[in-house]
Amino acid sequence: MITPLHVPSAPPAVGPYSHAVLCSGRMLYLSGQIALDDSGTLIDGSVTEQTRRALQNVSTILASQGATLQNVVKTLVLLQNMDDFAAMNAAYAEAFGTHQPARSAFAVSALPKGALVEIEVIACLES
């Protein structure tokens, strides 16, 4: 069964998509999250601050399904500029701690709303 999720406590989606999709009650696929505040406005700040906020938004969506960052098995990090990789990586490591999911990271020409970073995750819920 495929269940689209719209999480009221997360910032609103920027387009016609779900915050996440739950597949077979176990795999959770989150849409990419940028550093939106609760009103849907991109926060001002460095890539460090935007990474922290994007991961806060990821955590909010995960929590709606009883999960945490510890349930994440794969991430995709998109950066507006690869020169920001080290700063993003430090904030990312701070959030995940010793848990190290598989990850891809690369630069793109632009992100929604002028964001500096976007983070997408796949999580496995406890059975």
N, C-alpha and C. Protein backbone atom coordinates (compact mmCIF):
# COMPACT_ATOMS: atom_id res chain seq x y z
N MET A 1 0.83 -1.17 0.00
CA MET A 1 0.00 0.00 0.00
C MET A 1 0.89 1.25 0.00
N ILE A 2 0.51 2.24 -0.78
CA ILE A 2 1.24 3.51 -0.86
C ILE A 2 0.35 4.60 -0.26
N THR A 3 0.88 5.29 0.76
CA THR A 3 0.12 6.32 1.46
C THR A 3 0.85 7.65 1.43
N PRO A 4 0.33 8.65 0.68
CA PRO A 4 0.92 9.99 0.71
C PRO A 4 0.68 10.62 2.08
N LEU A 5 1.66 11.35 2.58
CA LEU A 5 1.55 11.99 3.90
C LEU A 5 1.67 13.50 3.77
N HIS A 6 0.76 14.20 4.40
CA HIS A 6 0.82 15.65 4.52
C HIS A 6 0.85 15.93 6.02
N VAL A 7 1.94 16.48 6.50
CA VAL A 7 2.18 16.64 7.94
C VAL A 7 1.87 18.08 8.34
N PRO A 8 0.77 18.31 9.07
CA PRO A 8 0.38 19.67 9.44
C PRO A 8 1.44 20.45 10.22
N SER A 9 2.28 19.75 11.01
CA SER A 9 3.29 20.44 11.82
C SER A 9 4.55 20.78 11.04
N ALA A 10 4.66 20.34 9.80
CA ALA A 10 5.81 20.65 8.94
C ALA A 10 5.48 21.86 8.06
N PRO A 11 6.50 22.59 7.61
CA PRO A 11 6.23 23.70 6.69
C PRO A 11 5.49 23.18 5.46
N PRO A 12 4.63 24.01 4.88
CA PRO A 12 3.86 23.57 3.72
C PRO A 12 4.76 23.23 2.53
N ALA A 13 4.30 22.29 1.72
CA ALA A 13 5.03 21.93 0.51
C ALA A 13 5.06 23.12 -0.44
N VAL A 14 6.14 23.25 -1.20
CA VAL A 14 6.32 24.36 -2.13
C VAL A 14 5.56 24.11 -3.43
N GLY A 15 5.19 22.87 -3.69
CA GLY A 15 4.51 22.53 -4.94
C GLY A 15 3.52 21.41 -4.75
N PRO A 16 3.08 20.81 -5.85
CA PRO A 16 2.06 19.76 -5.80
C PRO A 16 2.66 18.39 -5.47
N TYR A 17 3.10 18.24 -4.23
CA TYR A 17 3.68 16.97 -3.79
C TYR A 17 3.42 16.76 -2.31
N SER A 18 3.60 15.54 -1.86
CA SER A 18 3.42 15.18 -0.45
C SER A 18 4.71 15.42 0.31
N HIS A 19 4.60 15.60 1.63
CA HIS A 19 5.80 15.67 2.46
C HIS A 19 6.57 14.36 2.37
N ALA A 20 5.83 13.27 2.31
CA ALA A 20 6.45 11.94 2.27
C ALA A 20 5.44 10.95 1.73
N VAL A 21 5.95 9.77 1.40
CA VAL A 21 5.09 8.67 0.99
C VAL A 21 5.53 7.44 1.78
N LEU A 22 4.56 6.81 2.41
CA LEU A 22 4.81 5.58 3.16
C LEU A 22 4.47 4.41 2.25
N CYS A 23 5.40 3.47 2.12
CA CYS A 23 5.22 2.33 1.22
C CYS A 23 5.19 1.04 2.04
N SER A 24 4.12 0.31 1.90
CA SER A 24 3.95 -0.98 2.59
C SER A 24 4.11 -0.87 4.10
N GLY A 25 3.83 0.30 4.65
CA GLY A 25 3.87 0.49 6.09
C GLY A 25 5.25 0.48 6.71
N ARG A 26 6.29 0.42 5.88
CA ARG A 26 7.64 0.30 6.44
C ARG A 26 8.65 1.27 5.87
N MET A 27 8.63 1.49 4.56
CA MET A 27 9.60 2.40 3.93
C MET A 27 8.97 3.78 3.77
N LEU A 28 9.69 4.79 4.23
CA LEU A 28 9.21 6.17 4.20
C LEU A 28 10.14 6.98 3.31
N TYR A 29 9.57 7.54 2.25
CA TYR A 29 10.32 8.34 1.28
C TYR A 29 9.93 9.80 1.46
N LEU A 30 10.87 10.62 1.93
CA LEU A 30 10.57 12.03 2.15
C LEU A 30 10.94 12.86 0.93
N SER A 31 10.10 13.83 0.62
CA SER A 31 10.45 14.82 -0.40
C SER A 31 11.59 15.65 0.13
N GLY A 32 12.36 16.25 -0.77
CA GLY A 32 13.47 17.11 -0.37
C GLY A 32 12.98 18.25 0.50
N GLN A 33 13.73 18.52 1.55
CA GLN A 33 13.37 19.59 2.49
C GLN A 33 14.41 20.69 2.43
N ILE A 34 13.92 21.92 2.33
CA ILE A 34 14.79 23.09 2.42
C ILE A 34 14.51 23.78 3.74
N ALA A 35 15.19 24.86 4.00
CA ALA A 35 15.13 25.53 5.29
C ALA A 35 13.93 26.47 5.40
N LEU A 36 12.74 25.90 5.31
CA LEU A 36 11.52 26.70 5.45
C LEU A 36 11.12 26.78 6.91
N ASP A 37 10.64 27.96 7.32
CA ASP A 37 10.09 28.07 8.67
C ASP A 37 8.65 27.58 8.64
N ASP A 38 7.96 27.67 9.76
CA ASP A 38 6.61 27.13 9.85
C ASP A 38 5.61 27.79 8.91
N SER A 39 5.91 29.02 8.48
CA SER A 39 5.01 29.73 7.56
C SER A 39 5.32 29.43 6.10
N GLY A 40 6.39 28.68 5.86
CA GLY A 40 6.78 28.36 4.49
C GLY A 40 7.76 29.34 3.88
N THR A 41 8.35 30.20 4.71
CA THR A 41 9.33 31.19 4.26
C THR A 41 10.74 30.64 4.47
N LEU A 42 11.58 30.78 3.45
CA LEU A 42 12.97 30.35 3.58
C LEU A 42 13.66 31.20 4.64
N ILE A 43 14.35 30.55 5.57
CA ILE A 43 15.06 31.31 6.60
C ILE A 43 16.29 31.97 6.00
N ASP A 44 16.65 33.12 6.53
CA ASP A 44 17.92 33.75 6.17
C ASP A 44 19.00 33.00 6.92
N GLY A 45 20.17 32.94 6.35
CA GLY A 45 21.25 32.31 7.10
C GLY A 45 22.22 31.56 6.21
N SER A 46 23.26 31.12 6.85
CA SER A 46 24.34 30.40 6.19
C SER A 46 23.89 28.99 5.82
N VAL A 47 24.73 28.29 5.09
CA VAL A 47 24.42 26.90 4.75
C VAL A 47 24.34 26.06 6.03
N THR A 48 25.10 26.40 7.04
CA THR A 48 25.02 25.68 8.32
C THR A 48 23.64 25.82 8.92
N GLU A 49 23.15 27.05 8.99
CA GLU A 49 21.82 27.30 9.57
C GLU A 49 20.73 26.67 8.71
N GLN A 50 20.89 26.75 7.38
CA GLN A 50 19.88 26.16 6.51
C GLN A 50 19.91 24.63 6.58
N THR A 51 21.07 24.04 6.74
CA THR A 51 21.16 22.58 6.90
C THR A 51 20.46 22.16 8.18
N ARG A 52 20.72 22.86 9.26
CA ARG A 52 20.07 22.54 10.53
C ARG A 52 18.55 22.63 10.41
N ARG A 53 18.06 23.68 9.76
CA ARG A 53 16.60 23.85 9.63
C ARG A 53 16.01 22.79 8.70
N ALA A 54 16.68 22.48 7.60
CA ALA A 54 16.18 21.44 6.70
C ALA A 54 16.08 20.11 7.45
N LEU A 55 17.09 19.78 8.25
CA LEU A 55 17.06 18.53 9.02
C LEU A 55 16.02 18.58 10.14
N GLN A 56 15.75 19.77 10.67
CA GLN A 56 14.66 19.91 11.64
C GLN A 56 13.33 19.58 10.95
N ASN A 57 13.15 20.06 9.72
CA ASN A 57 11.93 19.76 8.97
C ASN A 57 11.84 18.27 8.65
N VAL A 58 12.96 17.66 8.29
CA VAL A 58 13.00 16.21 8.07
C VAL A 58 12.57 15.49 9.35
N SER A 59 13.12 15.91 10.48
CA SER A 59 12.80 15.28 11.77
C SER A 59 11.32 15.41 12.11
N THR A 60 10.73 16.55 11.80
CA THR A 60 9.29 16.75 12.06
C THR A 60 8.46 15.76 11.26
N ILE A 61 8.81 15.58 10.00
CA ILE A 61 8.07 14.63 9.16
C ILE A 61 8.29 13.20 9.64
N LEU A 62 9.52 12.85 9.97
CA LEU A 62 9.80 11.52 10.51
C LEU A 62 9.00 11.27 11.79
N ALA A 63 8.97 12.26 12.68
CA ALA A 63 8.27 12.12 13.96
C ALA A 63 6.78 11.85 13.76
N SER A 64 6.22 12.36 12.68
CA SER A 64 4.79 12.12 12.42
C SER A 64 4.49 10.64 12.23
N GLN A 65 5.53 9.86 11.94
CA GLN A 65 5.39 8.41 11.75
C GLN A 65 6.10 7.62 12.85
N GLY A 66 6.46 8.31 13.95
CA GLY A 66 7.12 7.64 15.07
C GLY A 66 8.57 7.32 14.82
N ALA A 67 9.19 8.04 13.89
CA ALA A 67 10.59 7.78 13.53
C ALA A 67 11.47 8.97 13.89
N THR A 68 12.79 8.74 13.82
CA THR A 68 13.79 9.78 14.06
C THR A 68 14.85 9.68 12.97
N LEU A 69 15.84 10.54 13.06
CA LEU A 69 16.95 10.47 12.12
C LEU A 69 17.66 9.11 12.18
N GLN A 70 17.53 8.41 13.30
CA GLN A 70 18.15 7.09 13.45
C GLN A 70 17.51 6.05 12.53
N ASN A 71 16.32 6.34 12.00
CA ASN A 71 15.64 5.43 11.07
C ASN A 71 16.06 5.66 9.62
N VAL A 72 16.83 6.72 9.37
CA VAL A 72 17.21 7.08 8.00
C VAL A 72 18.24 6.09 7.48
N VAL A 73 17.99 5.58 6.26
CA VAL A 73 18.93 4.64 5.65
C VAL A 73 19.68 5.26 4.48
N LYS A 74 19.16 6.34 3.90
CA LYS A 74 19.79 6.98 2.73
C LYS A 74 19.41 8.44 2.70
N THR A 75 20.38 9.29 2.39
CA THR A 75 20.11 10.71 2.19
C THR A 75 20.65 11.17 0.84
N LEU A 76 20.05 12.21 0.34
CA LEU A 76 20.52 12.91 -0.84
C LEU A 76 20.62 14.37 -0.46
N VAL A 77 21.81 14.94 -0.58
CA VAL A 77 22.03 16.35 -0.24
C VAL A 77 22.35 17.10 -1.52
N LEU A 78 21.56 18.12 -1.78
CA LEU A 78 21.79 19.00 -2.93
C LEU A 78 22.28 20.34 -2.42
N LEU A 79 23.37 20.82 -2.98
CA LEU A 79 23.96 22.10 -2.59
C LEU A 79 23.94 23.06 -3.77
N GLN A 80 23.71 24.32 -3.47
CA GLN A 80 23.80 25.33 -4.52
C GLN A 80 25.25 25.56 -4.90
N ASN A 81 26.17 25.30 -3.96
CA ASN A 81 27.58 25.55 -4.21
C ASN A 81 28.42 24.51 -3.45
N MET A 82 29.27 23.77 -4.14
CA MET A 82 30.10 22.76 -3.48
C MET A 82 31.11 23.37 -2.51
N ASP A 83 31.34 24.67 -2.61
CA ASP A 83 32.21 25.32 -1.62
C ASP A 83 31.59 25.27 -0.23
N ASP A 84 30.29 25.01 -0.14
CA ASP A 84 29.58 24.91 1.14
C ASP A 84 29.59 23.50 1.71
N PHE A 85 30.26 22.57 1.03
CA PHE A 85 30.21 21.17 1.45
C PHE A 85 30.70 20.98 2.88
N ALA A 86 31.82 21.54 3.25
CA ALA A 86 32.38 21.32 4.59
C ALA A 86 31.44 21.84 5.67
N ALA A 87 30.88 23.02 5.47
CA ALA A 87 29.95 23.58 6.46
C ALA A 87 28.68 22.75 6.57
N MET A 88 28.14 22.32 5.43
CA MET A 88 26.96 21.46 5.44
C MET A 88 27.29 20.16 6.14
N ASN A 89 28.44 19.58 5.81
CA ASN A 89 28.85 18.29 6.36
C ASN A 89 28.96 18.35 7.88
N ALA A 90 29.47 19.45 8.41
CA ALA A 90 29.61 19.60 9.86
C ALA A 90 28.23 19.65 10.53
N ALA A 91 27.29 20.40 9.97
CA ALA A 91 25.94 20.48 10.54
C ALA A 91 25.23 19.14 10.40
N TYR A 92 25.42 18.47 9.29
CA TYR A 92 24.83 17.15 9.03
C TYR A 92 25.36 16.15 10.07
N ALA A 93 26.67 16.13 10.28
CA ALA A 93 27.28 15.21 11.24
C ALA A 93 26.78 15.49 12.65
N GLU A 94 26.60 16.75 12.98
CA GLU A 94 26.07 17.15 14.28
C GLU A 94 24.67 16.54 14.49
N ALA A 95 23.85 16.58 13.47
CA ALA A 95 22.48 16.09 13.58
C ALA A 95 22.41 14.56 13.64
N PHE A 96 23.21 13.88 12.84
CA PHE A 96 23.14 12.42 12.77
C PHE A 96 24.00 11.72 13.82
N GLY A 97 24.98 12.41 14.38
CA GLY A 97 25.84 11.79 15.38
C GLY A 97 26.57 10.58 14.82
N THR A 98 26.56 9.49 15.56
CA THR A 98 27.28 8.30 15.13
C THR A 98 26.51 7.49 14.07
N HIS A 99 25.24 7.79 13.89
CA HIS A 99 24.45 7.12 12.85
C HIS A 99 24.89 7.67 11.49
N GLN A 100 25.29 6.82 10.60
CA GLN A 100 25.80 7.26 9.31
C GLN A 100 25.09 6.55 8.17
N PRO A 101 23.92 7.09 7.76
CA PRO A 101 23.23 6.47 6.63
C PRO A 101 24.02 6.65 5.33
N ALA A 102 23.70 5.84 4.34
CA ALA A 102 24.30 6.03 3.02
C ALA A 102 23.93 7.44 2.54
N ARG A 103 24.80 8.06 1.73
CA ARG A 103 24.54 9.43 1.32
C ARG A 103 25.13 9.72 -0.04
N SER A 104 24.43 10.56 -0.78
CA SER A 104 24.96 11.17 -2.00
C SER A 104 24.88 12.67 -1.79
N ALA A 105 25.84 13.41 -2.35
CA ALA A 105 25.81 14.87 -2.25
C ALA A 105 26.40 15.45 -3.52
N PHE A 106 25.72 16.43 -4.07
CA PHE A 106 26.26 17.10 -5.24
C PHE A 106 25.66 18.49 -5.39
N ALA A 107 26.27 19.28 -6.25
CA ALA A 107 25.83 20.66 -6.49
C ALA A 107 24.86 20.68 -7.67
N VAL A 108 23.93 21.61 -7.58
CA VAL A 108 22.96 21.85 -8.65
C VAL A 108 22.99 23.34 -8.97
N SER A 109 22.43 23.72 -10.09
CA SER A 109 22.50 25.13 -10.50
C SER A 109 21.62 26.04 -9.66
N ALA A 110 20.52 25.51 -9.11
CA ALA A 110 19.63 26.33 -8.28
C ALA A 110 18.72 25.41 -7.49
N LEU A 111 18.22 25.90 -6.37
CA LEU A 111 17.27 25.18 -5.53
C LEU A 111 16.03 26.05 -5.32
N PRO A 112 14.89 25.44 -4.95
CA PRO A 112 13.67 26.21 -4.75
C PRO A 112 13.87 27.36 -3.75
N LYS A 113 13.26 28.48 -4.06
CA LYS A 113 13.26 29.67 -3.21
C LYS A 113 14.66 30.22 -2.92
N GLY A 114 15.65 29.82 -3.71
CA GLY A 114 17.01 30.30 -3.50
C GLY A 114 17.73 29.62 -2.35
N ALA A 115 17.23 28.47 -1.91
CA ALA A 115 17.86 27.75 -0.80
C ALA A 115 19.31 27.39 -1.13
N LEU A 116 20.11 27.26 -0.10
CA LEU A 116 21.51 26.86 -0.26
C LEU A 116 21.69 25.35 -0.21
N VAL A 117 20.71 24.65 0.41
CA VAL A 117 20.80 23.20 0.59
C VAL A 117 19.40 22.61 0.59
N GLU A 118 19.28 21.40 0.06
CA GLU A 118 18.05 20.62 0.11
C GLU A 118 18.44 19.21 0.49
N ILE A 119 17.65 18.60 1.38
CA ILE A 119 17.96 17.26 1.87
C ILE A 119 16.74 16.36 1.74
N GLU A 120 16.95 15.24 1.08
CA GLU A 120 15.92 14.22 0.88
C GLU A 120 16.37 12.98 1.62
N VAL A 121 15.42 12.25 2.23
CA VAL A 121 15.81 11.03 2.95
C VAL A 121 14.86 9.88 2.66
N ILE A 122 15.38 8.68 2.87
CA ILE A 122 14.60 7.45 2.88
C ILE A 122 14.81 6.84 4.25
N ALA A 123 13.71 6.47 4.89
CA ALA A 123 13.80 5.89 6.23
C ALA A 123 13.09 4.54 6.25
N CYS A 124 13.56 3.68 7.14
CA CYS A 124 12.94 2.38 7.36
C CYS A 124 12.30 2.42 8.74
N LEU A 125 10.98 2.25 8.78
CA LEU A 125 10.27 2.26 10.05
C LEU A 125 10.40 0.90 10.72
N GLU A 126 10.35 0.90 12.03
CA GLU A 126 10.43 -0.36 12.77
C GLU A 126 9.24 -1.23 12.41
N SER A 127 9.48 -2.51 12.32
CA SER A 127 8.38 -3.42 11.98
C SER A 127 7.67 -3.92 13.21
